[in-house]
């Protein structure tokens, strides 16, 4: 088999793999659309009252942040999975700089889990749904 045949075979394999990925991404997107209604966007003015009671997972993000765009659908999946057991909310750091500063958010995405208004766990960087759901369940 020549190098050319190997390269062509590799491209074919990548194409087959990507076609499967497209289906999974489309399915994840459909799930995210269903869950998106349960993820509220908070501001500096609304954050205090919304995070004061119960278990609340907060995603600190910005629309210009690439990893945040990866984290967004994961957060929506978490919201669907935890249901009414916890609130899942987002804080755009560009629109709520005081809240981000108050909790020491220096890198995004940062997710902070609150219980009755106090931070109990923090995640920096893209964090998978299973880890976030486990943390929410442990905080209850």
N, C-alpha and C. Protein backbone atom coordinates (compact mmCIF):
# COMPACT_ATOMS: atom_id res chain seq x y z
N UNK A 1 0.86 -1.18 0.00
CA UNK A 1 0.00 0.00 0.00
C UNK A 1 0.90 1.24 0.00
N UNK A 2 0.61 2.21 -0.85
CA UNK A 2 1.43 3.40 -0.96
C UNK A 2 1.06 4.43 0.10
N UNK A 3 1.93 5.40 0.28
CA UNK A 3 1.64 6.49 1.23
C UNK A 3 0.37 7.24 0.83
N UNK A 4 0.19 7.39 -0.49
CA UNK A 4 -1.01 8.08 -0.98
C UNK A 4 -2.27 7.33 -0.55
N UNK A 5 -2.25 6.01 -0.68
CA UNK A 5 -3.40 5.19 -0.28
C UNK A 5 -3.66 5.31 1.23
N UNK A 6 -2.58 5.35 2.00
CA UNK A 6 -2.72 5.49 3.45
C UNK A 6 -3.35 6.83 3.82
N UNK A 7 -2.89 7.88 3.15
CA UNK A 7 -3.43 9.22 3.43
C UNK A 7 -4.89 9.28 3.04
N UNK A 8 -5.24 8.77 1.86
CA UNK A 8 -6.64 8.77 1.43
C UNK A 8 -7.50 7.95 2.37
N UNK A 9 -6.99 6.81 2.83
CA UNK A 9 -7.72 5.98 3.78
C UNK A 9 -7.94 6.71 5.10
N UNK A 10 -6.93 7.45 5.55
CA UNK A 10 -7.05 8.22 6.79
C UNK A 10 -8.12 9.29 6.65
N UNK A 11 -8.14 9.99 5.52
CA UNK A 11 -9.17 11.01 5.31
C UNK A 11 -10.57 10.40 5.30
N UNK A 12 -10.68 9.23 4.68
CA UNK A 12 -11.97 8.54 4.64
C UNK A 12 -12.42 8.19 6.06
N UNK A 13 -11.49 7.67 6.87
CA UNK A 13 -11.83 7.32 8.25
C UNK A 13 -12.25 8.56 9.04
N UNK A 14 -11.54 9.66 8.88
CA UNK A 14 -11.88 10.89 9.58
C UNK A 14 -13.27 11.35 9.15
N UNK A 15 -13.56 11.27 7.85
CA UNK A 15 -14.88 11.67 7.36
C UNK A 15 -15.98 10.83 7.97
N UNK A 16 -15.75 9.54 8.07
CA UNK A 16 -16.76 8.65 8.68
C UNK A 16 -16.94 9.00 10.15
N UNK A 17 -15.84 9.23 10.85
CA UNK A 17 -15.92 9.60 12.27
C UNK A 17 -16.66 10.91 12.45
N UNK A 18 -16.34 11.89 11.61
CA UNK A 18 -16.99 13.19 11.74
C UNK A 18 -18.49 13.11 11.44
N UNK A 19 -18.88 12.26 10.52
CA UNK A 19 -20.31 12.17 10.21
C UNK A 19 -21.07 11.68 11.44
N UNK A 20 -20.48 10.78 12.20
CA UNK A 20 -21.10 10.33 13.44
C UNK A 20 -21.13 11.44 14.47
N UNK A 21 -20.07 12.25 14.51
CA UNK A 21 -20.00 13.36 15.45
C UNK A 21 -21.08 14.39 15.15
N UNK A 22 -21.32 14.63 13.86
CA UNK A 22 -22.35 15.60 13.49
C UNK A 22 -23.71 15.21 14.05
N UNK A 23 -24.00 13.91 13.99
CA UNK A 23 -25.28 13.44 14.51
C UNK A 23 -25.35 13.64 16.03
N UNK A 24 -24.24 13.34 16.72
CA UNK A 24 -24.23 13.53 18.17
C UNK A 24 -24.33 15.00 18.54
N UNK A 25 -23.66 15.87 17.80
CA UNK A 25 -23.73 17.31 18.06
C UNK A 25 -25.14 17.81 17.81
N UNK A 26 -25.79 17.34 16.75
CA UNK A 26 -27.16 17.76 16.47
C UNK A 26 -28.09 17.31 17.59
N UNK A 27 -27.90 16.08 18.07
CA UNK A 27 -28.74 15.58 19.17
C UNK A 27 -28.50 16.38 20.44
N UNK A 28 -27.24 16.71 20.72
CA UNK A 28 -26.93 17.51 21.90
C UNK A 28 -27.54 18.90 21.77
N UNK A 29 -27.52 19.45 20.56
CA UNK A 29 -28.11 20.77 20.34
C UNK A 29 -29.60 20.75 20.60
N UNK A 30 -30.28 19.68 20.17
CA UNK A 30 -31.72 19.57 20.41
C UNK A 30 -32.00 19.47 21.90
N UNK A 31 -31.18 18.71 22.62
CA UNK A 31 -31.35 18.59 24.07
C UNK A 31 -31.10 19.92 24.74
N UNK A 32 -30.10 20.65 24.27
CA UNK A 32 -29.77 21.94 24.86
C UNK A 32 -30.91 22.93 24.66
N UNK A 33 -31.56 22.88 23.49
CA UNK A 33 -32.68 23.78 23.25
C UNK A 33 -33.80 23.55 24.25
N UNK A 34 -34.07 22.29 24.57
CA UNK A 34 -35.13 21.97 25.52
C UNK A 34 -34.77 22.48 26.91
N UNK A 35 -33.47 22.40 27.27
CA UNK A 35 -33.06 22.77 28.62
C UNK A 35 -32.83 24.26 28.77
N UNK A 36 -32.63 24.99 27.67
CA UNK A 36 -32.21 26.38 27.76
C UNK A 36 -33.19 27.27 28.53
N UNK A 37 -34.45 26.94 28.51
CA UNK A 37 -35.43 27.76 29.22
C UNK A 37 -35.20 27.73 30.73
N UNK A 38 -34.54 26.69 31.24
CA UNK A 38 -34.35 26.57 32.67
C UNK A 38 -33.06 27.23 33.15
N UNK A 39 -32.26 27.81 32.27
CA UNK A 39 -31.02 28.48 32.65
C UNK A 39 -31.23 29.99 32.54
N UNK A 40 -31.41 30.63 33.68
CA UNK A 40 -31.67 32.08 33.70
C UNK A 40 -30.36 32.85 33.63
N UNK A 41 -30.42 34.04 33.06
CA UNK A 41 -29.28 34.95 32.99
C UNK A 41 -29.44 35.97 34.11
N UNK A 42 -28.44 36.04 35.00
CA UNK A 42 -28.50 36.98 36.12
C UNK A 42 -27.58 38.16 35.88
N UNK A 43 -27.90 39.27 36.55
CA UNK A 43 -27.10 40.49 36.48
C UNK A 43 -26.59 40.82 37.88
N UNK A 44 -25.83 41.90 37.99
CA UNK A 44 -25.39 42.35 39.32
C UNK A 44 -26.60 42.62 40.21
N UNK A 45 -27.66 43.16 39.63
CA UNK A 45 -28.85 43.53 40.41
C UNK A 45 -29.66 42.31 40.87
N UNK A 46 -29.67 41.25 40.09
CA UNK A 46 -30.51 40.09 40.42
C UNK A 46 -29.76 38.94 41.07
N UNK A 47 -28.45 38.97 41.05
CA UNK A 47 -27.68 37.83 41.53
C UNK A 47 -27.94 37.51 43.01
N UNK A 48 -27.86 38.49 43.86
CA UNK A 48 -27.98 38.26 45.31
C UNK A 48 -29.24 37.54 45.72
N UNK A 49 -30.37 37.95 45.19
CA UNK A 49 -31.62 37.32 45.60
C UNK A 49 -31.78 35.93 45.00
N UNK A 50 -31.27 35.73 43.79
CA UNK A 50 -31.43 34.43 43.13
C UNK A 50 -30.50 33.35 43.70
N UNK A 51 -29.35 33.76 44.21
CA UNK A 51 -28.37 32.78 44.73
C UNK A 51 -28.46 32.62 46.24
N UNK A 52 -29.38 33.32 46.89
CA UNK A 52 -29.44 33.35 48.35
C UNK A 52 -29.98 32.08 48.99
N UNK A 53 -30.84 31.35 48.31
CA UNK A 53 -31.46 30.19 48.92
C UNK A 53 -31.31 28.95 48.06
N UNK A 54 -31.12 27.82 48.73
CA UNK A 54 -31.04 26.54 48.04
C UNK A 54 -29.69 26.34 47.38
N UNK A 55 -29.66 25.36 46.49
CA UNK A 55 -28.44 25.03 45.74
C UNK A 55 -28.53 25.69 44.37
N UNK A 56 -27.49 26.45 44.04
CA UNK A 56 -27.46 27.20 42.78
C UNK A 56 -26.11 26.99 42.11
N UNK A 57 -26.12 26.54 40.86
CA UNK A 57 -24.91 26.43 40.07
C UNK A 57 -24.85 27.63 39.15
N UNK A 58 -23.75 28.39 39.24
CA UNK A 58 -23.60 29.62 38.45
C UNK A 58 -22.47 29.46 37.45
N UNK A 59 -22.78 29.70 36.19
CA UNK A 59 -21.80 29.67 35.11
C UNK A 59 -21.41 31.11 34.79
N UNK A 60 -20.18 31.50 35.13
CA UNK A 60 -19.64 32.81 34.78
C UNK A 60 -19.02 32.67 33.40
N UNK A 61 -19.48 33.47 32.45
CA UNK A 61 -19.10 33.30 31.05
C UNK A 61 -19.11 34.63 30.32
N UNK A 62 -18.74 34.61 29.05
CA UNK A 62 -18.86 35.76 28.14
C UNK A 62 -19.03 35.22 26.73
N UNK A 63 -19.78 35.93 25.89
CA UNK A 63 -20.04 35.42 24.54
C UNK A 63 -18.80 35.34 23.65
N UNK A 64 -17.76 36.11 23.94
CA UNK A 64 -16.55 36.10 23.13
C UNK A 64 -15.58 34.98 23.53
N UNK A 65 -15.89 34.23 24.57
CA UNK A 65 -15.01 33.20 25.12
C UNK A 65 -15.31 31.85 24.46
N UNK A 66 -14.35 31.32 23.71
CA UNK A 66 -14.52 30.03 23.04
C UNK A 66 -14.85 28.89 23.99
N UNK A 67 -14.07 28.69 25.05
CA UNK A 67 -14.39 27.61 25.99
C UNK A 67 -15.77 27.79 26.64
N UNK A 68 -16.21 29.03 26.79
CA UNK A 68 -17.54 29.29 27.35
C UNK A 68 -18.63 28.78 26.42
N UNK A 69 -18.40 28.90 25.12
CA UNK A 69 -19.37 28.40 24.15
C UNK A 69 -19.43 26.87 24.19
N UNK A 70 -18.33 26.25 24.56
CA UNK A 70 -18.32 24.80 24.75
C UNK A 70 -19.06 24.44 26.04
N UNK A 71 -18.84 25.23 27.09
CA UNK A 71 -19.45 24.96 28.39
C UNK A 71 -20.96 25.20 28.38
N UNK A 72 -21.44 26.14 27.58
CA UNK A 72 -22.86 26.50 27.58
C UNK A 72 -23.82 25.33 27.42
N UNK A 73 -23.67 24.51 26.37
CA UNK A 73 -24.58 23.37 26.22
C UNK A 73 -24.44 22.35 27.36
N UNK A 74 -23.26 22.24 27.92
CA UNK A 74 -23.06 21.33 29.06
C UNK A 74 -23.87 21.83 30.25
N UNK A 75 -23.84 23.13 30.49
CA UNK A 75 -24.60 23.72 31.60
C UNK A 75 -26.10 23.51 31.38
N UNK A 76 -26.55 23.64 30.15
CA UNK A 76 -27.96 23.42 29.85
C UNK A 76 -28.35 21.96 30.08
N UNK A 77 -27.45 21.05 29.77
CA UNK A 77 -27.69 19.63 30.04
C UNK A 77 -27.78 19.39 31.54
N UNK A 78 -26.90 20.02 32.31
CA UNK A 78 -26.94 19.90 33.77
C UNK A 78 -28.27 20.40 34.30
N UNK A 79 -28.74 21.52 33.79
CA UNK A 79 -30.03 22.07 34.23
C UNK A 79 -31.15 21.08 33.99
N UNK A 80 -31.13 20.42 32.85
CA UNK A 80 -32.16 19.43 32.55
C UNK A 80 -32.05 18.22 33.47
N UNK A 81 -30.82 17.83 33.78
CA UNK A 81 -30.62 16.64 34.60
C UNK A 81 -30.94 16.86 36.08
N UNK A 82 -30.69 18.06 36.61
CA UNK A 82 -30.96 18.29 38.04
C UNK A 82 -32.39 18.74 38.26
N UNK A 83 -33.06 19.18 37.21
CA UNK A 83 -34.46 19.58 37.32
C UNK A 83 -34.67 20.63 38.41
N UNK A 84 -35.66 20.40 39.26
CA UNK A 84 -35.98 21.35 40.31
C UNK A 84 -35.14 21.19 41.57
N UNK A 85 -34.19 20.27 41.56
CA UNK A 85 -33.35 20.05 42.74
C UNK A 85 -32.38 21.21 42.99
N UNK A 86 -32.09 21.98 41.94
CA UNK A 86 -31.17 23.11 42.06
C UNK A 86 -31.46 24.09 40.94
N UNK A 87 -31.09 25.35 41.15
CA UNK A 87 -31.16 26.34 40.08
C UNK A 87 -29.84 26.28 39.32
N UNK A 88 -29.92 26.47 38.03
CA UNK A 88 -28.73 26.61 37.20
C UNK A 88 -28.87 27.93 36.47
N UNK A 89 -27.89 28.82 36.67
CA UNK A 89 -27.96 30.16 36.11
C UNK A 89 -26.65 30.53 35.45
N UNK A 90 -26.70 31.60 34.65
CA UNK A 90 -25.51 32.12 33.97
C UNK A 90 -25.32 33.58 34.35
N UNK A 91 -24.06 33.99 34.44
CA UNK A 91 -23.71 35.38 34.66
C UNK A 91 -22.70 35.79 33.60
N UNK A 92 -23.12 36.70 32.72
CA UNK A 92 -22.22 37.23 31.71
C UNK A 92 -21.30 38.23 32.42
N UNK A 93 -20.01 37.93 32.46
CA UNK A 93 -19.07 38.78 33.22
C UNK A 93 -18.96 40.19 32.65
N UNK A 94 -19.29 40.36 31.37
CA UNK A 94 -19.28 41.70 30.78
C UNK A 94 -20.46 42.53 31.27
N UNK A 95 -21.58 41.87 31.59
CA UNK A 95 -22.78 42.57 32.04
C UNK A 95 -22.91 42.61 33.56
N UNK A 96 -22.12 41.79 34.25
CA UNK A 96 -22.19 41.73 35.73
C UNK A 96 -20.77 41.70 36.31
N UNK A 97 -19.99 42.75 36.05
CA UNK A 97 -18.60 42.74 36.50
C UNK A 97 -18.45 42.76 38.02
N UNK A 98 -19.38 43.39 38.72
CA UNK A 98 -19.28 43.44 40.19
C UNK A 98 -19.44 42.06 40.80
N UNK A 99 -20.37 41.29 40.30
CA UNK A 99 -20.58 39.94 40.82
C UNK A 99 -19.37 39.06 40.52
N UNK A 100 -18.84 39.14 39.31
CA UNK A 100 -17.65 38.37 38.95
C UNK A 100 -16.48 38.74 39.86
N UNK A 101 -16.29 40.02 40.10
CA UNK A 101 -15.21 40.48 40.96
C UNK A 101 -15.43 40.03 42.41
N UNK A 102 -16.65 40.11 42.88
CA UNK A 102 -16.97 39.73 44.26
C UNK A 102 -16.57 38.28 44.54
N UNK A 103 -16.71 37.40 43.55
CA UNK A 103 -16.40 35.99 43.75
C UNK A 103 -15.05 35.59 43.16
N UNK A 104 -14.22 36.57 42.83
CA UNK A 104 -12.86 36.32 42.39
C UNK A 104 -12.74 35.60 41.07
N UNK A 105 -13.68 35.82 40.17
CA UNK A 105 -13.63 35.18 38.86
C UNK A 105 -12.56 35.89 38.03
N UNK A 106 -11.49 35.15 37.72
CA UNK A 106 -10.38 35.71 36.97
C UNK A 106 -10.22 35.03 35.61
N UNK A 107 -10.85 33.89 35.46
CA UNK A 107 -10.76 33.12 34.23
C UNK A 107 -12.15 32.55 33.95
N UNK A 108 -12.52 32.52 32.67
CA UNK A 108 -13.82 31.96 32.34
C UNK A 108 -13.64 30.85 31.31
N UNK A 109 -14.49 29.86 31.31
CA UNK A 109 -15.63 29.70 32.20
C UNK A 109 -15.20 29.32 33.61
N UNK A 110 -15.88 29.91 34.57
CA UNK A 110 -15.78 29.51 35.97
C UNK A 110 -17.20 29.19 36.42
N UNK A 111 -17.35 28.05 37.07
CA UNK A 111 -18.65 27.66 37.61
C UNK A 111 -18.51 27.60 39.12
N UNK A 112 -19.44 28.22 39.81
CA UNK A 112 -19.42 28.20 41.27
C UNK A 112 -20.74 27.63 41.76
N UNK A 113 -20.64 26.67 42.67
CA UNK A 113 -21.81 26.06 43.26
C UNK A 113 -22.06 26.73 44.61
N UNK A 114 -23.27 27.26 44.77
CA UNK A 114 -23.65 27.95 45.99
C UNK A 114 -24.67 27.12 46.76
N UNK A 115 -24.60 27.19 48.07
CA UNK A 115 -25.65 26.62 48.91
C UNK A 115 -26.05 27.69 49.91
N UNK A 116 -27.31 28.09 49.85
CA UNK A 116 -27.85 29.14 50.71
C UNK A 116 -26.98 30.40 50.68
N UNK A 117 -26.57 30.79 49.48
CA UNK A 117 -25.84 32.04 49.28
C UNK A 117 -24.34 31.97 49.50
N UNK A 118 -23.81 30.82 49.92
CA UNK A 118 -22.38 30.70 50.16
C UNK A 118 -21.74 29.75 49.14
N UNK A 119 -20.60 30.16 48.57
CA UNK A 119 -19.92 29.27 47.62
C UNK A 119 -19.41 28.01 48.32
N UNK A 120 -19.68 26.84 47.74
CA UNK A 120 -19.22 25.60 48.34
C UNK A 120 -18.24 24.85 47.44
N UNK A 121 -18.25 25.12 46.13
CA UNK A 121 -17.32 24.46 45.21
C UNK A 121 -17.16 25.32 43.97
N UNK A 122 -15.94 25.29 43.42
CA UNK A 122 -15.65 26.09 42.23
C UNK A 122 -14.96 25.23 41.19
N UNK A 123 -15.32 25.45 39.93
CA UNK A 123 -14.72 24.76 38.79
C UNK A 123 -14.22 25.83 37.82
N UNK A 124 -12.98 25.69 37.38
CA UNK A 124 -12.42 26.64 36.41
C UNK A 124 -12.09 25.86 35.14
N UNK A 125 -12.56 26.37 34.02
CA UNK A 125 -12.37 25.69 32.75
C UNK A 125 -13.58 24.85 32.42
N UNK A 126 -13.58 24.27 31.24
CA UNK A 126 -14.70 23.45 30.79
C UNK A 126 -14.81 22.23 31.70
N UNK A 127 -15.99 22.05 32.27
CA UNK A 127 -16.25 20.96 33.21
C UNK A 127 -17.41 20.13 32.68
N UNK A 128 -17.25 18.83 32.72
CA UNK A 128 -18.25 17.92 32.16
C UNK A 128 -19.51 17.83 33.03
N UNK A 129 -20.61 17.48 32.40
CA UNK A 129 -21.92 17.43 33.05
C UNK A 129 -21.93 16.47 34.24
N UNK A 130 -21.35 15.28 34.09
CA UNK A 130 -21.38 14.31 35.18
C UNK A 130 -20.75 14.87 36.45
N UNK A 131 -19.62 15.57 36.31
CA UNK A 131 -18.94 16.15 37.47
C UNK A 131 -19.79 17.25 38.12
N UNK A 132 -20.44 18.06 37.30
CA UNK A 132 -21.28 19.13 37.83
C UNK A 132 -22.53 18.58 38.51
N UNK A 133 -23.16 17.59 37.90
CA UNK A 133 -24.35 16.98 38.50
C UNK A 133 -23.99 16.32 39.82
N UNK A 134 -22.86 15.63 39.89
CA UNK A 134 -22.42 15.00 41.13
C UNK A 134 -22.20 16.02 42.22
N UNK A 135 -21.62 17.17 41.87
CA UNK A 135 -21.39 18.24 42.86
C UNK A 135 -22.70 18.82 43.35
N UNK A 136 -23.64 19.01 42.44
CA UNK A 136 -24.96 19.53 42.82
C UNK A 136 -25.64 18.55 43.78
N UNK A 137 -25.61 17.28 43.43
CA UNK A 137 -26.24 16.26 44.28
C UNK A 137 -25.58 16.18 45.65
N UNK A 138 -24.27 16.32 45.70
CA UNK A 138 -23.54 16.28 46.98
C UNK A 138 -23.86 17.49 47.84
N UNK A 139 -24.20 18.61 47.23
CA UNK A 139 -24.45 19.85 47.98
C UNK A 139 -25.84 19.87 48.61
N UNK A 140 -26.72 18.99 48.20
CA UNK A 140 -28.10 19.02 48.71
C UNK A 140 -28.22 18.42 50.08
